Amino acid sequence: MSPHFLPRLRLQVRNWPRRALILTDTPRPDCPECEGEGAIGYDYGDPETGEYIDTEWEPCTCWDETRRWVLLPLPRRPRRTPPGYSTEPPF
């Protein structure tokens, strides 16, 4: 298998919908199309004034953003009561 088609994996912590440790693919750093960004940006502007409005991003073929695997669900962090705060009613 060519090294250009092997996945470039990294670990990430996902927070939604539940905290988990995931293994995900990353863009190819030597990609000539996106230069390692994972997407190609196209600037566009107002047709009348020509002023910049925004950039649209098209995903590059060197990276599959949906390629990810949940390795380990992580426990929720316990909520801490701020110091000096009471949970007792005021009456």
C-alpha atoms as a PDB file:
ATOM      1  CA  MET A   1       0.000   0.000   0.000  1.00  0.00           C
ATOM      2  CA  SER A   2       1.328   3.430  -0.903  1.00  0.00           C
ATOM      3  CA  PRO A   3       2.169   5.755   2.039  1.00  0.00           C
ATOM      4  CA  HIS A   4      -0.066   8.425   0.448  1.00  0.00           C
ATOM      5  CA  PHE A   5      -3.159   6.321   1.114  1.00  0.00           C
ATOM      6  CA  LEU A   6      -2.405   5.325   4.697  1.00  0.00           C
ATOM      7  CA  PRO A   7      -4.486   7.187   7.283  1.00  0.00           C
ATOM      8  CA  ARG A   8      -2.737   9.786   9.408  1.00  0.00           C
ATOM      9  CA  LEU A   9      -4.361   9.152  12.763  1.00  0.00           C
ATOM     10  CA  ARG A  10      -4.492  11.321  15.885  1.00  0.00           C
ATOM     11  CA  LEU A  11      -6.244  11.220  19.243  1.00  0.00           C
ATOM     12  CA  GLN A  12      -8.887  13.810  20.147  1.00  0.00           C
ATOM     13  CA  VAL A  13     -11.343  14.375  22.974  1.00  0.00           C
ATOM     14  CA  ARG A  14     -14.901  14.800  21.737  1.00  0.00           C
ATOM     15  CA  ASN A  15     -17.265  16.667  24.055  1.00  0.00           C
ATOM     16  CA  TRP A  16     -20.613  16.237  22.337  1.00  0.00           C
ATOM     17  CA  PRO A  17     -22.967  14.386  22.658  1.00  0.00           C
ATOM     18  CA  ARG A  18     -20.878  12.689  25.343  1.00  0.00           C
ATOM     19  CA  ARG A  19     -17.217  13.022  26.270  1.00  0.00           C
ATOM     20  CA  ALA A  20     -15.113  10.367  24.556  1.00  0.00           C
ATOM     21  CA  LEU A  21     -11.599   9.711  23.346  1.00  0.00           C
ATOM     22  CA  ILE A  22     -11.656   9.268  19.553  1.00  0.00           C
ATOM     23  CA  LEU A  23      -9.174   8.268  16.882  1.00  0.00           C
ATOM     24  CA  THR A  24      -9.542  10.424  13.769  1.00  0.00           C
ATOM     25  CA  ASP A  25      -7.929  10.896  10.364  1.00  0.00           C
ATOM     26  CA  THR A  26      -5.979  14.073   9.516  1.00  0.00           C
ATOM     27  CA  PRO A  27      -5.293  15.786   6.173  1.00  0.00           C
ATOM     28  CA  ARG A  28      -2.210  14.703   4.224  1.00  0.00           C
ATOM     29  CA  PRO A  29       0.493  17.310   5.067  1.00  0.00           C
ATOM     30  CA  ASP A  30       2.139  17.155   1.613  1.00  0.00           C
ATOM     31  CA  CYS A  31      -1.106  17.431  -0.406  1.00  0.00           C
ATOM     32  CA  PRO A  32      -0.525  19.752  -3.404  1.00  0.00           C
ATOM     33  CA  GLU A  33      -4.203  20.781  -3.580  1.00  0.00           C
ATOM     34  CA  CYS A  34      -4.949  21.888  -0.002  1.00  0.00           C
ATOM     35  CA  GLU A  35      -1.354  22.162   1.316  1.00  0.00           C
ATOM     36  CA  GLY A  36      -2.257  20.128   4.412  1.00  0.00           C
ATOM     37  CA  GLU A  37      -5.304  22.188   5.414  1.00  0.00           C
ATOM     38  CA  GLY A  38      -7.889  19.526   4.529  1.00  0.00           C
ATOM     39  CA  ALA A  39     -10.024  21.944   2.528  1.00  0.00           C
ATOM     40  CA  ILE A  40      -9.673  24.429  -0.324  1.00  0.00           C
ATOM     41  CA  GLY A  41     -10.936  27.949   0.330  1.00  0.00           C
ATOM     42  CA  TYR A  42     -12.685  30.101  -2.241  1.00  0.00           C
ATOM     43  CA  ASP A  43     -13.103  33.784  -1.410  1.00  0.00           C
ATOM     44  CA  TYR A  44     -16.177  35.533  -2.718  1.00  0.00           C
ATOM     45  CA  GLY A  45     -17.419  39.085  -2.597  1.00  0.00           C
ATOM     46  CA  ASP A  46     -20.331  41.354  -3.311  1.00  0.00           C
ATOM     47  CA  PRO A  47     -21.051  41.318  -7.074  1.00  0.00           C
ATOM     48  CA  GLU A  48     -21.807  45.054  -7.117  1.00  0.00           C
ATOM     49  CA  THR A  49     -19.023  46.481  -4.962  1.00  0.00           C
ATOM     50  CA  GLY A  50     -16.498  43.662  -5.239  1.00  0.00           C
ATOM     51  CA  GLU A  51     -15.818  43.792  -1.488  1.00  0.00           C
ATOM     52  CA  TYR A  52     -14.874  40.589   0.311  1.00  0.00           C
ATOM     53  CA  ILE A  53     -17.787  38.860   2.079  1.00  0.00           C
ATOM     54  CA  ASP A  54     -16.641  35.418   3.164  1.00  0.00           C
ATOM     55  CA  THR A  55     -14.739  32.247   2.237  1.00  0.00           C
ATOM     56  CA  GLU A  56     -16.389  28.978   1.249  1.00  0.00           C
ATOM     57  CA  TRP A  57     -14.494  25.775   2.007  1.00  0.00           C
ATOM     58  CA  GLU A  58     -14.612  22.663  -0.164  1.00  0.00           C
ATOM     59  CA  PRO A  59     -13.259  19.468   1.471  1.00  0.00           C
ATOM     60  CA  CYS A  60     -10.118  18.048  -0.125  1.00  0.00           C
ATOM     61  CA  THR A  61      -9.970  14.453  -1.337  1.00  0.00           C
ATOM     62  CA  CYS A  62      -6.846  13.733   0.773  1.00  0.00           C
ATOM     63  CA  TRP A  63      -8.908  13.639   3.966  1.00  0.00           C
ATOM     64  CA  ASP A  64     -12.143  11.992   5.063  1.00  0.00           C
ATOM     65  CA  GLU A  65     -13.549  14.070   7.899  1.00  0.00           C
ATOM     66  CA  THR A  66     -16.071  11.361   8.780  1.00  0.00           C
ATOM     67  CA  ARG A  67     -13.394   8.717   9.403  1.00  0.00           C
ATOM     68  CA  ARG A  68     -13.320   8.494  13.201  1.00  0.00           C
ATOM     69  CA  TRP A  69     -13.654   5.803  15.821  1.00  0.00           C
ATOM     70  CA  VAL A  70     -14.693   6.104  19.469  1.00  0.00           C
ATOM     71  CA  LEU A  71     -12.028   4.399  21.554  1.00  0.00           C
ATOM     72  CA  LEU A  72     -13.165   5.106  25.070  1.00  0.00           C
ATOM     73  CA  PRO A  73     -16.165   6.904  26.567  1.00  0.00           C
ATOM     74  CA  LEU A  74     -14.961   9.316  29.237  1.00  0.00           C
ATOM     75  CA  PRO A  75     -16.745   9.934  32.550  1.00  0.00           C
ATOM     76  CA  ARG A  76     -18.571  13.195  33.034  1.00  0.00           C
ATOM     77  CA  ARG A  77     -16.804  15.722  35.219  1.00  0.00           C
ATOM     78  CA  PRO A  78     -18.539  16.229  38.564  1.00  0.00           C
ATOM     79  CA  ARG A  79     -20.122  19.633  39.007  1.00  0.00           C
ATOM     80  CA  ARG A  80     -18.525  21.544  41.831  1.00  0.00           C
ATOM     81  CA  THR A  81     -20.348  23.959  44.073  1.00  0.00           C
ATOM     82  CA  PRO A  82     -18.550  27.330  44.176  1.00  0.00           C
ATOM     83  CA  PRO A  83     -17.023  28.197  47.570  1.00  0.00           C
ATOM     84  CA  GLY A  84     -19.353  30.219  49.800  1.00  0.00           C
ATOM     85  CA  TYR A  85     -22.453  29.008  47.962  1.00  0.00           C
ATOM     86  CA  SER A  86     -25.094  27.086  49.844  1.00  0.00           C
ATOM     87  CA  THR A  87     -27.638  24.691  48.421  1.00  0.00           C
ATOM     88  CA  GLU A  88     -29.932  25.340  51.426  1.00  0.00           C
ATOM     89  CA  PRO A  89     -33.040  27.490  50.825  1.00  0.00           C
ATOM     90  CA  PRO A  90     -32.836  31.019  52.300  1.00  0.00           C
ATOM     91  CA  PHE A  91     -35.783  30.638  54.673  1.00  0.00           C
END
